[in-house]
Structure formats: structure tokens, C-alpha cells
Amino acid sequence: MPANTQTLDPEDLRQFVADVLDVDPENVTDDAHFVAELGVDSLKALEVLVALERKYQIKISEDEVRDMTTFAEVRDLVQGKLDGE
């Protein structure tokens, strides 16, 4: 089965994550720390996980969620999943 070659629009993803977190997209910078700067707790992280899986039709493991501490890490993970990595 060929890998999904869906192109990820980083700004669309940024807006999507901001909507799920209920924060302004301007606050979701590439290096903004989800917990320290955006106040993301474990429940909110799970909400982001489920929303990303549904929107992009991907599967994210709990270990991968723990590694997602910034928007840049989320973007890279989602793009990797879309690329079939």
C-alpha cells in the first residue's frame, strides 16, 4: 500500500491545535512549550491526540504524545505519519 502523501499545511495545523487548546494561534509558536507556556495538562494533551488522529487519519502512540512538547514536534510527528514513517 503506498504511503499517504498528504501535504501538511503548518499554519492550518497551528490553527487546528490552537482551536483544540482554546488559545490564540499567535501563542502556538514553533517553540512554545505546551505545558509551561500554554498550560496543557494530560487531559488536554489527550484531546489534542484524538483530534489529530481524526483530522489526519493517523495513529499516535502514548509514547509519541509524551514527546510532543512543542508545536514544532507536533508538526514533525504529523508530517512523518502522513509520509508513512
C-alpha atoms as a PDB file:
ATOM      1  CA  MET A   1       0.000   0.000   0.000  1.00  0.00           C
ATOM      2  CA  PRO A   2       1.543   3.377  -0.967  1.00  0.00           C
ATOM      3  CA  ALA A   3       2.349   5.873   1.740  1.00  0.00           C
ATOM      4  CA  ASN A   4      -0.040   8.752   2.243  1.00  0.00           C
ATOM      5  CA  THR A   5       1.444  11.779   0.512  1.00  0.00           C
ATOM      6  CA  GLN A   6      -0.904  14.335   2.045  1.00  0.00           C
ATOM      7  CA  THR A   7       0.817  17.695   2.343  1.00  0.00           C
ATOM      8  CA  LEU A   8       0.633  19.244   5.771  1.00  0.00           C
ATOM      9  CA  ASP A   9      -0.095  22.966   5.907  1.00  0.00           C
ATOM     10  CA  PRO A  10       1.759  24.132   9.044  1.00  0.00           C
ATOM     11  CA  GLU A  11      -0.486  27.167   9.524  1.00  0.00           C
ATOM     12  CA  ASP A  12      -3.633  25.059   9.206  1.00  0.00           C
ATOM     13  CA  LEU A  13      -2.186  22.684  11.801  1.00  0.00           C
ATOM     14  CA  ARG A  14      -1.242  25.625  14.045  1.00  0.00           C
ATOM     15  CA  GLN A  15      -4.824  26.972  13.868  1.00  0.00           C
ATOM     16  CA  PHE A  16      -6.233  23.496  14.498  1.00  0.00           C
ATOM     17  CA  VAL A  17      -4.031  22.932  17.576  1.00  0.00           C
ATOM     18  CA  ALA A  18      -4.847  26.432  18.860  1.00  0.00           C
ATOM     19  CA  ASP A  19      -8.573  25.712  18.489  1.00  0.00           C
ATOM     20  CA  VAL A  20      -8.270  22.429  20.396  1.00  0.00           C
ATOM     21  CA  LEU A  21      -6.226  24.126  23.137  1.00  0.00           C
ATOM     22  CA  ASP A  22      -8.542  27.157  23.142  1.00  0.00           C
ATOM     23  CA  VAL A  23      -5.631  29.592  22.776  1.00  0.00           C
ATOM     24  CA  ASP A  24      -4.734  32.251  20.217  1.00  0.00           C
ATOM     25  CA  PRO A  25      -2.813  30.819  17.246  1.00  0.00           C
ATOM     26  CA  GLU A  26      -0.164  33.515  17.773  1.00  0.00           C
ATOM     27  CA  ASN A  27       0.653  31.814  21.097  1.00  0.00           C
ATOM     28  CA  VAL A  28       1.277  28.476  19.381  1.00  0.00           C
ATOM     29  CA  THR A  29       4.782  29.300  18.194  1.00  0.00           C
ATOM     30  CA  ASP A  30       7.134  26.589  16.964  1.00  0.00           C
ATOM     31  CA  ASP A  31       8.994  26.502  20.271  1.00  0.00           C
ATOM     32  CA  ALA A  32       6.209  27.354  22.751  1.00  0.00           C
ATOM     33  CA  HIS A  33       6.222  24.644  25.416  1.00  0.00           C
ATOM     34  CA  PHE A  34       2.744  23.149  25.718  1.00  0.00           C
ATOM     35  CA  VAL A  35       2.844  22.623  29.474  1.00  0.00           C
ATOM     36  CA  ALA A  36       4.959  25.541  30.689  1.00  0.00           C
ATOM     37  CA  GLU A  37       3.700  28.220  28.305  1.00  0.00           C
ATOM     38  CA  LEU A  38       0.292  27.059  27.091  1.00  0.00           C
ATOM     39  CA  GLY A  39      -0.951  25.299  30.226  1.00  0.00           C
ATOM     40  CA  VAL A  40      -1.608  21.927  28.584  1.00  0.00           C
ATOM     41  CA  ASP A  41      -2.396  19.164  31.080  1.00  0.00           C
ATOM     42  CA  SER A  42      -2.657  15.426  30.405  1.00  0.00           C
ATOM     43  CA  LEU A  43      -6.365  15.609  29.621  1.00  0.00           C
ATOM     44  CA  LYS A  44      -5.856  18.418  27.110  1.00  0.00           C
ATOM     45  CA  ALA A  45      -2.924  16.505  25.567  1.00  0.00           C
ATOM     46  CA  LEU A  46      -5.216  13.519  25.073  1.00  0.00           C
ATOM     47  CA  GLU A  47      -7.799  15.794  23.458  1.00  0.00           C
ATOM     48  CA  VAL A  48      -5.152  17.062  21.028  1.00  0.00           C
ATOM     49  CA  LEU A  49      -4.099  13.473  20.286  1.00  0.00           C
ATOM     50  CA  VAL A  50      -7.630  12.335  19.442  1.00  0.00           C
ATOM     51  CA  ALA A  51      -8.320  15.445  17.362  1.00  0.00           C
ATOM     52  CA  LEU A  52      -5.103  14.991  15.354  1.00  0.00           C
ATOM     53  CA  GLU A  53      -5.818  11.303  14.763  1.00  0.00           C
ATOM     54  CA  ARG A  54      -9.313  12.079  13.498  1.00  0.00           C
ATOM     55  CA  LYS A  55      -8.354  15.051  11.338  1.00  0.00           C
ATOM     56  CA  TYR A  56      -5.341  13.449   9.672  1.00  0.00           C
ATOM     57  CA  GLN A  57      -6.413   9.767   9.813  1.00  0.00           C
ATOM     58  CA  ILE A  58      -3.226   8.763  11.651  1.00  0.00           C
ATOM     59  CA  LYS A  59      -2.386   6.776  14.780  1.00  0.00           C
ATOM     60  CA  ILE A  60      -0.260   8.359  17.528  1.00  0.00           C
ATOM     61  CA  SER A  61       1.038   6.245  20.396  1.00  0.00           C
ATOM     62  CA  GLU A  62       1.049   7.349  24.024  1.00  0.00           C
ATOM     63  CA  ASP A  63       4.857   7.417  23.949  1.00  0.00           C
ATOM     64  CA  GLU A  64       4.768   9.779  20.979  1.00  0.00           C
ATOM     65  CA  VAL A  65       2.327  12.040  22.820  1.00  0.00           C
ATOM     66  CA  ARG A  66       4.762  12.350  25.730  1.00  0.00           C
ATOM     67  CA  ASP A  67       7.426  13.516  23.258  1.00  0.00           C
ATOM     68  CA  MET A  68       5.190  16.239  21.813  1.00  0.00           C
ATOM     69  CA  THR A  69       6.120  19.219  23.961  1.00  0.00           C
ATOM     70  CA  THR A  70       6.175  21.945  21.300  1.00  0.00           C
ATOM     71  CA  PHE A  71       4.241  22.752  18.139  1.00  0.00           C
ATOM     72  CA  ALA A  72       7.333  22.009  16.028  1.00  0.00           C
ATOM     73  CA  GLU A  73       7.407  18.468  17.458  1.00  0.00           C
ATOM     74  CA  VAL A  74       3.703  18.012  16.727  1.00  0.00           C
ATOM     75  CA  ARG A  75       4.169  19.298  13.177  1.00  0.00           C
ATOM     76  CA  ASP A  76       7.137  16.990  12.547  1.00  0.00           C
ATOM     77  CA  LEU A  77       5.330  13.977  14.019  1.00  0.00           C
ATOM     78  CA  VAL A  78       2.151  14.539  11.993  1.00  0.00           C
ATOM     79  CA  GLN A  79       4.141  15.108   8.789  1.00  0.00           C
ATOM     80  CA  GLY A  80       6.130  11.952   9.472  1.00  0.00           C
ATOM     81  CA  LYS A  81       2.922   9.966   9.945  1.00  0.00           C
ATOM     82  CA  LEU A  82       1.481  11.397   6.738  1.00  0.00           C
ATOM     83  CA  ASP A  83       4.698  10.436   4.946  1.00  0.00           C
ATOM     84  CA  GLY A  84       4.354   6.877   6.222  1.00  0.00           C
ATOM     85  CA  GLU A  85       7.236   6.962   8.705  1.00  0.00           C
END
